[in-house]
């Protein structure tokens, strides 16, 4: 987990608690710190074009525990599996207008995204995991300019970083299926003024829209021509 953005602390976060407020109202009073460890698998078609980003999000242990406690305390006879499914539906409903915090570009131009059909939500090793396939609106060739993406909460209440060991992205944090490609994950390099702005936010204060992009890692994919 990368902790280099704001030394000594996580950024103040409401993140998914805000997105899920209508379903889990008690989360509004929860300790507003959290992050997501993400891994991405770029799915390709028979021509080697990118057609989707298969993503796995793992909510941090503390935030996961808050969500799981709310699920267990919810009234009714539904199983935990059913409650997690309901949680996934609500997450999809709230993240869809935000394109799942995902921004894809090629040669500096934005790439249109499609719609997520389904989210798998489960609890594993004490953490809530979300898995979904985010399609591109049209398949994207990868044998020219590289495809790049960033995944971030625009308000920076939620920190999103690739899966890492000792702050080094893991090899499986970004993979490509079905094509001969090179990948790399570029660390964020925010302006010191933006770091100071983020550090000055009170725990429950909302940043201006767009702050999160300055702290976002960049995934890059480039494939060999067929």
Protein backbone atom coordinates (compact mmCIF):
# COMPACT_ATOMS: atom_id res chain seq x y z
CA UNK A 1 0.00 0.00 0.00
CA UNK A 2 1.47 3.33 -1.09
CA UNK A 3 1.66 5.85 1.73
CA UNK A 4 3.90 8.38 0.04
CA UNK A 5 1.24 10.90 -0.94
CA UNK A 6 0.71 12.43 2.50
CA UNK A 7 3.48 11.30 4.84
CA UNK A 8 2.32 9.96 8.17
CA UNK A 9 -1.39 9.76 7.46
CA UNK A 10 -4.10 8.73 5.07
CA UNK A 11 -6.10 11.52 3.47
CA UNK A 12 -9.40 12.31 5.17
CA UNK A 13 -11.91 10.08 3.45
CA UNK A 14 -15.68 9.54 3.27
CA UNK A 15 -15.52 7.72 -0.03
CA UNK A 16 -17.93 4.85 -0.32
CA UNK A 17 -19.72 5.84 2.89
CA UNK A 18 -21.07 8.85 1.00
CA UNK A 19 -21.96 6.72 -2.02
CA UNK A 20 -23.77 4.20 0.19
CA UNK A 21 -25.30 6.68 2.59
CA UNK A 22 -28.86 6.01 1.46
CA UNK A 23 -28.49 2.30 2.17
CA UNK A 24 -26.20 2.28 5.21
CA UNK A 25 -27.00 5.52 7.12
CA UNK A 26 -24.87 4.72 10.15
CA UNK A 27 -21.73 4.91 8.03
CA UNK A 28 -22.09 8.69 7.97
CA UNK A 29 -20.71 8.73 11.51
CA UNK A 30 -17.88 6.31 10.77
CA UNK A 31 -14.22 7.21 11.06
CA UNK A 32 -13.66 8.82 7.61
CA UNK A 33 -10.36 7.31 6.58
CA UNK A 34 -10.00 4.67 3.90
CA UNK A 35 -8.41 3.46 0.74
CA UNK A 36 -8.82 0.88 -2.00
CA UNK A 37 -6.20 -1.51 -3.34
CA UNK A 38 -6.99 -2.12 -6.99
CA UNK A 39 -5.79 -4.60 -9.60
CA UNK A 40 -6.62 -4.37 -13.30
CA UNK A 41 -6.66 -6.95 -16.05
CA UNK A 42 -6.97 -5.54 -19.57
CA UNK A 43 -9.15 -7.87 -21.62
CA UNK A 44 -8.48 -8.07 -25.37
CA UNK A 45 -10.36 -9.43 -28.36
CA UNK A 46 -9.07 -11.71 -31.14
CA UNK A 47 -7.43 -8.73 -32.88
CA UNK A 48 -5.52 -7.80 -29.73
CA UNK A 49 -7.63 -4.70 -29.11
CA UNK A 50 -8.54 -3.69 -25.57
CA UNK A 51 -12.21 -4.30 -24.93
CA UNK A 52 -12.59 -4.07 -21.14
CA UNK A 53 -10.84 -3.40 -17.84
CA UNK A 54 -11.52 -6.21 -15.40
CA UNK A 55 -11.10 -4.59 -11.99
CA UNK A 56 -10.81 -5.86 -8.43
CA UNK A 57 -11.15 -3.38 -5.59
CA UNK A 58 -10.23 -4.34 -2.03
CA UNK A 59 -11.47 -1.92 0.61
CA UNK A 60 -9.07 -1.35 3.49
CA UNK A 61 -9.54 -3.56 6.59
CA UNK A 62 -11.02 -0.88 8.84
CA UNK A 63 -13.49 0.36 6.26
CA UNK A 64 -14.39 -3.21 5.36
CA UNK A 65 -15.17 -3.95 8.99
CA UNK A 66 -17.52 -0.98 9.17
CA UNK A 67 -19.42 -2.18 6.11
CA UNK A 68 -19.58 -5.78 7.33
CA UNK A 69 -20.85 -4.69 10.74
CA UNK A 70 -23.61 -2.70 9.05
CA UNK A 71 -24.54 -5.67 6.89
CA UNK A 72 -24.71 -7.98 9.90
CA UNK A 73 -26.80 -5.50 11.88
CA UNK A 74 -29.31 -4.87 9.08
CA UNK A 75 -32.83 -6.12 9.82
CA UNK A 76 -34.31 -9.07 8.01
CA UNK A 77 -33.52 -12.72 7.39
CA UNK A 78 -31.36 -12.28 4.29
CA UNK A 79 -28.11 -14.22 4.22
CA UNK A 80 -24.77 -12.41 4.28
CA UNK A 81 -24.28 -13.41 0.65
CA UNK A 82 -27.57 -11.75 -0.29
CA UNK A 83 -26.67 -8.66 1.69
CA UNK A 84 -23.33 -8.40 -0.07
CA UNK A 85 -25.12 -8.76 -3.39
CA UNK A 86 -27.42 -5.89 -2.41
CA UNK A 87 -24.40 -3.83 -1.46
CA UNK A 88 -22.90 -4.48 -4.90
CA UNK A 89 -26.09 -3.32 -6.60
CA UNK A 90 -26.03 -0.08 -4.65
CA UNK A 91 -22.35 0.50 -5.38
CA UNK A 92 -22.94 -0.03 -9.09
CA UNK A 93 -25.89 2.35 -9.01
CA UNK A 94 -23.83 5.09 -7.38
CA UNK A 95 -20.56 4.60 -9.25
CA UNK A 96 -22.03 4.24 -12.74
CA UNK A 97 -22.53 8.02 -13.26
CA UNK A 98 -18.88 8.46 -12.19
CA UNK A 99 -17.64 5.79 -14.64
CA UNK A 100 -16.34 3.81 -11.68
CA UNK A 101 -13.71 6.47 -11.01
CA UNK A 102 -11.95 5.20 -14.16
CA UNK A 103 -10.45 7.50 -16.81
CA UNK A 104 -8.90 5.95 -19.94
CA UNK A 105 -6.90 7.84 -22.57
CA UNK A 106 -4.93 7.06 -25.71
CA UNK A 107 -2.60 9.57 -27.33
CA UNK A 108 -3.92 12.17 -24.89
CA UNK A 109 -7.54 11.71 -25.93
CA UNK A 110 -10.25 10.33 -23.63
CA UNK A 111 -11.59 6.87 -24.44
CA UNK A 112 -15.34 6.33 -24.05
CA UNK A 113 -16.44 3.65 -21.61
CA UNK A 114 -19.42 1.33 -21.62
CA UNK A 115 -21.66 0.10 -18.80
CA UNK A 116 -20.95 -2.46 -16.11
CA UNK A 117 -23.48 -5.29 -16.19
CA UNK A 118 -22.76 -6.78 -12.79
CA UNK A 119 -20.57 -6.48 -9.71
CA UNK A 120 -19.47 -9.40 -7.57
CA UNK A 121 -19.19 -8.39 -3.93
CA UNK A 122 -17.70 -10.68 -1.30
CA UNK A 123 -15.90 -10.70 2.02
CA UNK A 124 -12.50 -12.38 2.03
CA UNK A 125 -9.73 -12.28 4.64
CA UNK A 126 -11.54 -9.54 6.52
CA UNK A 127 -11.87 -7.24 3.53
CA UNK A 128 -14.75 -6.37 1.24
CA UNK A 129 -13.89 -7.04 -2.40
CA UNK A 130 -15.63 -5.71 -5.50
CA UNK A 131 -15.04 -7.28 -8.90
CA UNK A 132 -16.47 -5.95 -12.14
CA UNK A 133 -15.81 -5.76 -15.87
CA UNK A 134 -15.81 -2.21 -17.24
CA UNK A 135 -16.06 -2.38 -21.06
CA UNK A 136 -14.75 0.20 -23.48
CA UNK A 137 -17.43 1.67 -25.72
CA UNK A 138 -15.54 0.30 -28.75
CA UNK A 139 -12.44 -1.96 -28.93
CA UNK A 140 -9.21 0.02 -28.76
CA UNK A 141 -6.05 -0.88 -30.77
CA UNK A 142 -2.99 -1.18 -28.54
CA UNK A 143 -0.20 -1.42 -31.14
CA UNK A 144 0.29 2.32 -31.59
CA UNK A 145 0.26 4.92 -28.87
CA UNK A 146 -0.05 3.35 -25.42
CA UNK A 147 -3.33 3.17 -23.59
CA UNK A 148 -3.28 4.82 -20.19
CA UNK A 149 -5.79 4.84 -17.37
CA UNK A 150 -6.19 6.36 -13.94
CA UNK A 151 -8.64 5.33 -11.23
CA UNK A 152 -9.41 7.97 -8.64
CA UNK A 153 -12.09 9.62 -6.54
CA UNK A 154 -12.31 13.18 -7.93
CA UNK A 155 -12.74 14.65 -4.43
CA UNK A 156 -9.87 12.57 -3.00
CA UNK A 157 -11.94 11.36 -0.06
CA UNK A 158 -11.00 7.89 -1.20
CA UNK A 159 -7.42 6.96 -2.09
CA UNK A 160 -7.10 4.37 -4.87
CA UNK A 161 -3.74 2.66 -5.46
CA UNK A 162 -2.60 -0.49 -7.23
CA UNK A 163 -1.87 -3.60 -5.20
CA UNK A 164 1.68 -3.29 -3.91
CA UNK A 165 4.35 -4.97 -1.81
CA UNK A 166 6.46 -2.52 0.19
CA UNK A 167 5.07 0.35 -1.90
CA UNK A 168 6.18 -1.34 -5.15
CA UNK A 169 3.27 -2.29 -7.44
CA UNK A 170 2.84 -6.05 -7.67
CA UNK A 171 3.33 -7.74 -11.06
CA UNK A 172 -0.30 -8.84 -11.05
CA UNK A 173 -1.60 -5.34 -10.27
CA UNK A 174 -1.78 -4.68 -14.03
CA UNK A 175 -1.95 -7.49 -16.55
CA UNK A 176 -3.08 -7.95 -20.13
CA UNK A 177 -5.00 -11.02 -21.24
CA UNK A 178 -4.60 -12.40 -24.74
CA UNK A 179 -1.91 -10.10 -26.17
CA UNK A 180 1.86 -9.56 -26.12
CA UNK A 181 2.15 -6.32 -24.18
CA UNK A 182 4.31 -4.34 -21.83
CA UNK A 183 2.81 -2.65 -18.79
CA UNK A 184 3.92 -0.23 -16.16
CA UNK A 185 2.39 1.70 -13.27
CA UNK A 186 3.53 5.28 -12.89
CA UNK A 187 3.46 6.85 -9.44
CA UNK A 188 1.68 10.16 -8.91
CA UNK A 189 3.85 13.25 -8.64
CA UNK A 190 1.56 15.96 -7.31
CA UNK A 191 2.57 19.58 -7.06
CA UNK A 192 3.56 20.49 -3.47
CA UNK A 193 0.70 23.00 -3.41
CA UNK A 194 -1.77 20.18 -4.07
CA UNK A 195 -0.20 18.05 -1.35
CA UNK A 196 -0.59 20.96 1.07
CA UNK A 197 -4.19 21.47 -0.03
CA UNK A 198 -5.04 17.83 0.57
CA UNK A 199 -3.24 17.77 3.93
CA UNK A 200 -5.15 20.83 5.12
CA UNK A 201 -8.58 19.26 4.65
CA UNK A 202 -10.45 18.57 7.85
CA UNK A 203 -11.56 15.00 8.42
CA UNK A 204 -15.10 15.57 7.20
CA UNK A 205 -14.39 18.36 4.74
CA UNK A 206 -15.01 17.84 1.04
CA UNK A 207 -12.32 18.84 -1.43
CA UNK A 208 -13.05 20.61 -4.67
CA UNK A 209 -13.97 18.32 -7.54
CA UNK A 210 -10.84 17.22 -9.40
CA UNK A 211 -8.30 17.16 -6.58
CA UNK A 212 -8.02 13.38 -6.76
CA UNK A 213 -6.51 13.34 -10.23
CA UNK A 214 -3.30 14.90 -8.94
CA UNK A 215 -2.72 11.89 -6.66
CA UNK A 216 -3.71 9.15 -9.11
CA UNK A 217 -1.33 6.47 -10.32
CA UNK A 218 -1.26 5.85 -14.06
CA UNK A 219 -1.46 2.41 -15.60
CA UNK A 220 0.10 2.13 -19.07
CA UNK A 221 -0.27 -0.62 -21.66
CA UNK A 222 1.44 -0.95 -25.04
CA UNK A 223 1.32 -4.07 -27.21
CA UNK A 224 3.38 -5.40 -30.06
CA UNK A 225 1.85 -5.11 -33.55
CA UNK A 226 0.35 -8.28 -35.00
